[in-house]
Amino acid sequence: MKVKVIDEECERDLENSVNEFLSKDVDVIDIKYQVAIGINGEEQLYCFSAMIIYH
């Protein structure tokens, strides 16, 4: 079993990265999705990530 973690700044980039990884010949067991939000002054920072568990 292996794990691949993908981290992007926007949802669309994460979607593209996950789809690119899934286009490889892998046997996916599960995908976990997470969003983290931080504040720096008046700016909101987002972190979209996915952990893909596969064989």
PDB file of N, CA and C in Angstrom:
ATOM      1  N   MET A   1       0.848  -1.163   0.000  1.00  0.00           N
ATOM      2  CA  MET A   1       0.000   0.000   0.000  1.00  0.00           C
ATOM      3  C   MET A   1       0.901   1.236   0.000  1.00  0.00           C
ATOM      4  N   LYS A   2       0.489   2.267  -0.715  1.00  0.00           N
ATOM      5  CA  LYS A   2       1.242   3.522  -0.799  1.00  0.00           C
ATOM      6  C   LYS A   2       0.288   4.692  -0.593  1.00  0.00           C
ATOM      7  N   VAL A   3       0.887   5.874  -0.350  1.00  0.00           N
ATOM      8  CA  VAL A   3       0.113   7.093  -0.146  1.00  0.00           C
ATOM      9  C   VAL A   3       0.700   8.197  -1.012  1.00  0.00           C
ATOM     10  N   LYS A   4      -0.164   8.979  -1.640  1.00  0.00           N
ATOM     11  CA  LYS A   4       0.236  10.151  -2.413  1.00  0.00           C
ATOM     12  C   LYS A   4      -0.522  11.343  -1.836  1.00  0.00           C
ATOM     13  N   VAL A   5       0.199  12.393  -1.438  1.00  0.00           N
ATOM     14  CA  VAL A   5      -0.427  13.602  -0.912  1.00  0.00           C
ATOM     15  C   VAL A   5      -0.231  14.708  -1.936  1.00  0.00           C
ATOM     16  N   ILE A   6      -1.328  15.381  -2.272  1.00  0.00           N
ATOM     17  CA  ILE A   6      -1.303  16.475  -3.241  1.00  0.00           C
ATOM     18  C   ILE A   6      -1.852  17.711  -2.555  1.00  0.00           C
ATOM     19  N   ASP A   7      -1.154  18.838  -2.701  1.00  0.00           N
ATOM     20  CA  ASP A   7      -1.513  20.084  -2.037  1.00  0.00           C
ATOM     21  C   ASP A   7      -1.520  21.215  -3.070  1.00  0.00           C
ATOM     22  N   GLU A   8      -2.610  21.940  -3.136  1.00  0.00           N
ATOM     23  CA  GLU A   8      -2.732  23.046  -4.093  1.00  0.00           C
ATOM     24  C   GLU A   8      -3.385  24.254  -3.427  1.00  0.00           C
ATOM     25  N   GLU A   9      -3.265  25.421  -4.061  1.00  0.00           N
ATOM     26  CA  GLU A   9      -3.833  26.647  -3.509  1.00  0.00           C
ATOM     27  C   GLU A   9      -5.273  26.898  -3.931  1.00  0.00           C
ATOM     28  N   CYS A  10      -5.746  26.205  -4.959  1.00  0.00           N
ATOM     29  CA  CYS A  10      -7.144  26.380  -5.361  1.00  0.00           C
ATOM     30  C   CYS A  10      -7.740  25.027  -5.743  1.00  0.00           C
ATOM     31  N   GLU A  11      -9.062  24.944  -5.666  1.00  0.00           N
ATOM     32  CA  GLU A  11      -9.769  23.684  -5.914  1.00  0.00           C
ATOM     33  C   GLU A  11      -9.523  23.138  -7.314  1.00  0.00           C
ATOM     34  N   ARG A  12      -9.533  24.000  -8.293  1.00  0.00           N
ATOM     35  CA  ARG A  12      -9.368  23.549  -9.676  1.00  0.00           C
ATOM     36  C   ARG A  12      -7.991  22.925  -9.891  1.00  0.00           C
ATOM     37  N   ASP A  13      -6.943  23.529  -9.296  1.00  0.00           N
ATOM     38  CA  ASP A  13      -5.606  22.956  -9.423  1.00  0.00           C
ATOM     39  C   ASP A  13      -5.530  21.589  -8.751  1.00  0.00           C
ATOM     40  N   LEU A  14      -6.176  21.453  -7.578  1.00  0.00           N
ATOM     41  CA  LEU A  14      -6.193  20.167  -6.899  1.00  0.00           C
ATOM     42  C   LEU A  14      -6.922  19.131  -7.748  1.00  0.00           C
ATOM     43  N   GLU A  15      -8.038  19.525  -8.300  1.00  0.00           N
ATOM     44  CA  GLU A  15      -8.810  18.616  -9.154  1.00  0.00           C
ATOM     45  C   GLU A  15      -7.958  18.139 -10.331  1.00  0.00           C
ATOM     46  N   ASN A  16      -7.257  19.056 -10.971  1.00  0.00           N
ATOM     47  CA  ASN A  16      -6.409  18.685 -12.109  1.00  0.00           C
ATOM     48  C   ASN A  16      -5.273  17.761 -11.685  1.00  0.00           C
ATOM     49  N   SER A  17      -4.638  18.048 -10.556  1.00  0.00           N
ATOM     50  CA  SER A  17      -3.534  17.215 -10.074  1.00  0.00           C
ATOM     51  C   SER A  17      -4.009  15.813  -9.699  1.00  0.00           C
ATOM     52  N   VAL A  18      -5.161  15.723  -9.038  1.00  0.00           N
ATOM     53  CA  VAL A  18      -5.699  14.411  -8.662  1.00  0.00           C
ATOM     54  C   VAL A  18      -6.075  13.628  -9.914  1.00  0.00           C
ATOM     55  N   ASN A  19      -6.736  14.268 -10.859  1.00  0.00           N
ATOM     56  CA  ASN A  19      -7.108  13.585 -12.107  1.00  0.00           C
ATOM     57  C   ASN A  19      -5.877  13.114 -12.874  1.00  0.00           C
ATOM     58  N   GLU A  20      -4.819  13.906 -12.866  1.00  0.00           N
ATOM     59  CA  GLU A  20      -3.583  13.506 -13.543  1.00  0.00           C
ATOM     60  C   GLU A  20      -2.989  12.264 -12.869  1.00  0.00           C
ATOM     61  N   PHE A  21      -2.965  12.258 -11.532  1.00  0.00           N
ATOM     62  CA  PHE A  21      -2.446  11.090 -10.820  1.00  0.00           C
ATOM     63  C   PHE A  21      -3.304   9.857 -11.084  1.00  0.00           C
ATOM     64  N   LEU A  22      -4.621  10.035 -11.077  1.00  0.00           N
ATOM     65  CA  LEU A  22      -5.527   8.904 -11.283  1.00  0.00           C
ATOM     66  C   LEU A  22      -5.483   8.363 -12.708  1.00  0.00           C
ATOM     67  N   SER A  23      -4.960   9.144 -13.641  1.00  0.00           N
ATOM     68  CA  SER A  23      -4.856   8.659 -15.024  1.00  0.00           C
ATOM     69  C   SER A  23      -3.758   7.599 -15.159  1.00  0.00           C
ATOM     70  N   LYS A  24      -2.888   7.490 -14.144  1.00  0.00           N
ATOM     71  CA  LYS A  24      -1.862   6.441 -14.125  1.00  0.00           C
ATOM     72  C   LYS A  24      -2.532   5.126 -13.746  1.00  0.00           C
ATOM     73  N   ASP A  25      -1.816   4.063 -13.947  1.00  0.00           N
ATOM     74  CA  ASP A  25      -2.351   2.735 -13.649  1.00  0.00           C
ATOM     75  C   ASP A  25      -2.170   2.430 -12.165  1.00  0.00           C
ATOM     76  N   VAL A  26      -3.091   2.936 -11.327  1.00  0.00           N
ATOM     77  CA  VAL A  26      -3.035   2.693  -9.884  1.00  0.00           C
ATOM     78  C   VAL A  26      -4.371   2.111  -9.427  1.00  0.00           C
ATOM     79  N   ASP A  27      -4.298   1.305  -8.390  1.00  0.00           N
ATOM     80  CA  ASP A  27      -5.483   0.705  -7.790  1.00  0.00           C
ATOM     81  C   ASP A  27      -5.820   1.518  -6.540  1.00  0.00           C
ATOM     82  N   VAL A  28      -6.768   2.442  -6.661  1.00  0.00           N
ATOM     83  CA  VAL A  28      -7.107   3.357  -5.573  1.00  0.00           C
ATOM     84  C   VAL A  28      -7.938   2.642  -4.508  1.00  0.00           C
ATOM     85  N   ILE A  29      -7.517   2.807  -3.256  1.00  0.00           N
ATOM     86  CA  ILE A  29      -8.246   2.259  -2.126  1.00  0.00           C
ATOM     87  C   ILE A  29      -9.174   3.317  -1.539  1.00  0.00           C
ATOM     88  N   ASP A  30      -8.659   4.544  -1.374  1.00  0.00           N
ATOM     89  CA  ASP A  30      -9.449   5.615  -0.770  1.00  0.00           C
ATOM     90  C   ASP A  30      -8.827   6.953  -1.107  1.00  0.00           C
ATOM     91  N   ILE A  31      -9.635   8.010  -1.051  1.00  0.00           N
ATOM     92  CA  ILE A  31      -9.163   9.379  -1.213  1.00  0.00           C
ATOM     93  C   ILE A  31      -9.742  10.208  -0.078  1.00  0.00           C
ATOM     94  N   LYS A  32      -8.860  10.909   0.624  1.00  0.00           N
ATOM     95  CA  LYS A  32      -9.265  11.819   1.701  1.00  0.00           C
ATOM     96  C   LYS A  32      -9.044  13.242   1.213  1.00  0.00           C
ATOM     97  N   TYR A  33      -9.985  14.130   1.514  1.00  0.00           N
ATOM     98  CA  TYR A  33      -9.943  15.515   1.052  1.00  0.00           C
ATOM     99  C   TYR A  33      -9.977  16.443   2.258  1.00  0.00           C
ATOM    100  N   GLN A  34      -9.206  17.551   2.187  1.00  0.00           N
ATOM    101  CA  GLN A  34      -9.171  18.478   3.308  1.00  0.00           C
ATOM    102  C   GLN A  34      -8.965  19.897   2.806  1.00  0.00           C
ATOM    103  N   VAL A  35      -9.588  20.854   3.509  1.00  0.00           N
ATOM    104  CA  VAL A  35      -9.389  22.273   3.226  1.00  0.00           C
ATOM    105  C   VAL A  35      -8.945  22.942   4.522  1.00  0.00           C
ATOM    106  N   ALA A  36      -7.889  23.747   4.423  1.00  0.00           N
ATOM    107  CA  ALA A  36      -7.425  24.524   5.573  1.00  0.00           C
ATOM    108  C   ALA A  36      -7.485  25.998   5.189  1.00  0.00           C
ATOM    109  N   ILE A  37      -7.920  26.818   6.133  1.00  0.00           N
ATOM    110  CA  ILE A  37      -8.034  28.258   5.897  1.00  0.00           C
ATOM    111  C   ILE A  37      -7.237  28.978   6.970  1.00  0.00           C
ATOM    112  N   GLY A  38      -6.426  29.932   6.525  1.00  0.00           N
ATOM    113  CA  GLY A  38      -5.664  30.755   7.458  1.00  0.00           C
ATOM    114  C   GLY A  38      -5.867  32.214   7.127  1.00  0.00           C
ATOM    115  N   ILE A  39      -5.585  33.050   8.076  1.00  0.00           N
ATOM    116  CA  ILE A  39      -5.736  34.491   7.866  1.00  0.00           C
ATOM    117  C   ILE A  39      -4.394  35.155   8.139  1.00  0.00           C
ATOM    118  N   ASN A  40      -3.948  35.968   7.183  1.00  0.00           N
ATOM    119  CA  ASN A  40      -2.712  36.730   7.306  1.00  0.00           C
ATOM    120  C   ASN A  40      -3.075  38.193   7.098  1.00  0.00           C
ATOM    121  N   GLY A  41      -3.239  38.929   8.182  1.00  0.00           N
ATOM    122  CA  GLY A  41      -3.721  40.301   8.072  1.00  0.00           C
ATOM    123  C   GLY A  41      -5.165  40.280   7.609  1.00  0.00           C
ATOM    124  N   GLU A  42      -5.420  40.874   6.463  1.00  0.00           N
ATOM    125  CA  GLU A  42      -6.774  40.856   5.898  1.00  0.00           C
ATOM    126  C   GLU A  42      -6.904  39.865   4.753  1.00  0.00           C
ATOM    127  N   GLU A  43      -5.862  39.086   4.531  1.00  0.00           N
ATOM    128  CA  GLU A  43      -5.862  38.110   3.435  1.00  0.00           C
ATOM    129  C   GLU A  43      -6.219  36.719   3.969  1.00  0.00           C
ATOM    130  N   GLN A  44      -7.107  36.032   3.249  1.00  0.00           N
ATOM    131  CA  GLN A  44      -7.443  34.648   3.583  1.00  0.00           C
ATOM    132  C   GLN A  44      -6.591  33.724   2.709  1.00  0.00           C
ATOM    133  N   LEU A  45      -5.997  32.735   3.345  1.00  0.00           N
ATOM    134  CA  LEU A  45      -5.168  31.767   2.641  1.00  0.00           C
ATOM    135  C   LEU A  45      -5.851  30.409   2.692  1.00  0.00           C
ATOM    136  N   TYR A  46      -5.957  29.756   1.547  1.00  0.00           N
ATOM    137  CA  TYR A  46      -6.593  28.444   1.458  1.00  0.00           C
ATOM    138  C   TYR A  46      -5.564  27.401   1.056  1.00  0.00           C
ATOM    139  N   CYS A  47      -5.735  26.221   1.585  1.00  0.00           N
ATOM    140  CA  CYS A  47      -4.898  25.083   1.220  1.00  0.00           C
ATOM    141  C   CYS A  47      -5.833  23.897   0.978  1.00  0.00           C
ATOM    142  N   PHE A  48      -5.877  23.428  -0.240  1.00  0.00           N
ATOM    143  CA  PHE A  48      -6.718  22.289  -0.613  1.00  0.00           C
ATOM    144  C   PHE A  48      -5.795  21.091  -0.798  1.00  0.00           C
ATOM    145  N   SER A  49      -6.098  19.991  -0.123  1.00  0.00           N
ATOM    146  CA  SER A  49      -5.235  18.823  -0.230  1.00  0.00           C
ATOM    147  C   SER A  49      -6.038  17.538  -0.329  1.00  0.00           C
ATOM    148  N   ALA A  50      -5.385  16.548  -0.903  1.00  0.00           N
ATOM    149  CA  ALA A  50      -5.975  15.215  -1.027  1.00  0.00           C
ATOM    150  C   ALA A  50      -4.903  14.192  -0.724  1.00  0.00           C
ATOM    151  N   MET A  51      -5.296  13.162  -0.008  1.00  0.00           N
ATOM    152  CA  MET A  51      -4.414  12.031   0.237  1.00  0.00           C
ATOM    153  C   MET A  51      -5.028  10.826  -0.471  1.00  0.00           C
ATOM    154  N   ILE A  52      -4.284  10.254  -1.367  1.00  0.00           N
ATOM    155  CA  ILE A  52      -4.748   9.104  -2.138  1.00  0.00           C
ATOM    156  C   ILE A  52      -4.031   7.864  -1.615  1.00  0.00           C
ATOM    157  N   ILE A  53      -4.791   6.900  -1.156  1.00  0.00           N
ATOM    158  CA  ILE A  53      -4.257   5.631  -0.683  1.00  0.00           C
ATOM    159  C   ILE A  53      -4.455   4.633  -1.821  1.00  0.00           C
ATOM    160  N   TYR A  54      -3.370   3.975  -2.227  1.00  0.00           N
ATOM    161  CA  TYR A  54      -3.445   3.106  -3.408  1.00  0.00           C
ATOM    162  C   TYR A  54      -2.455   1.953  -3.321  1.00  0.00           C
ATOM    163  N   HIS A  55      -2.627   1.007  -4.234  1.00  0.00           N
ATOM    164  CA  HIS A  55      -1.656  -0.099  -4.386  1.00  0.00           C
ATOM    165  C   HIS A  55      -0.767   0.224  -5.546  1.00  0.00           C
TER     166      HIS A  55
END
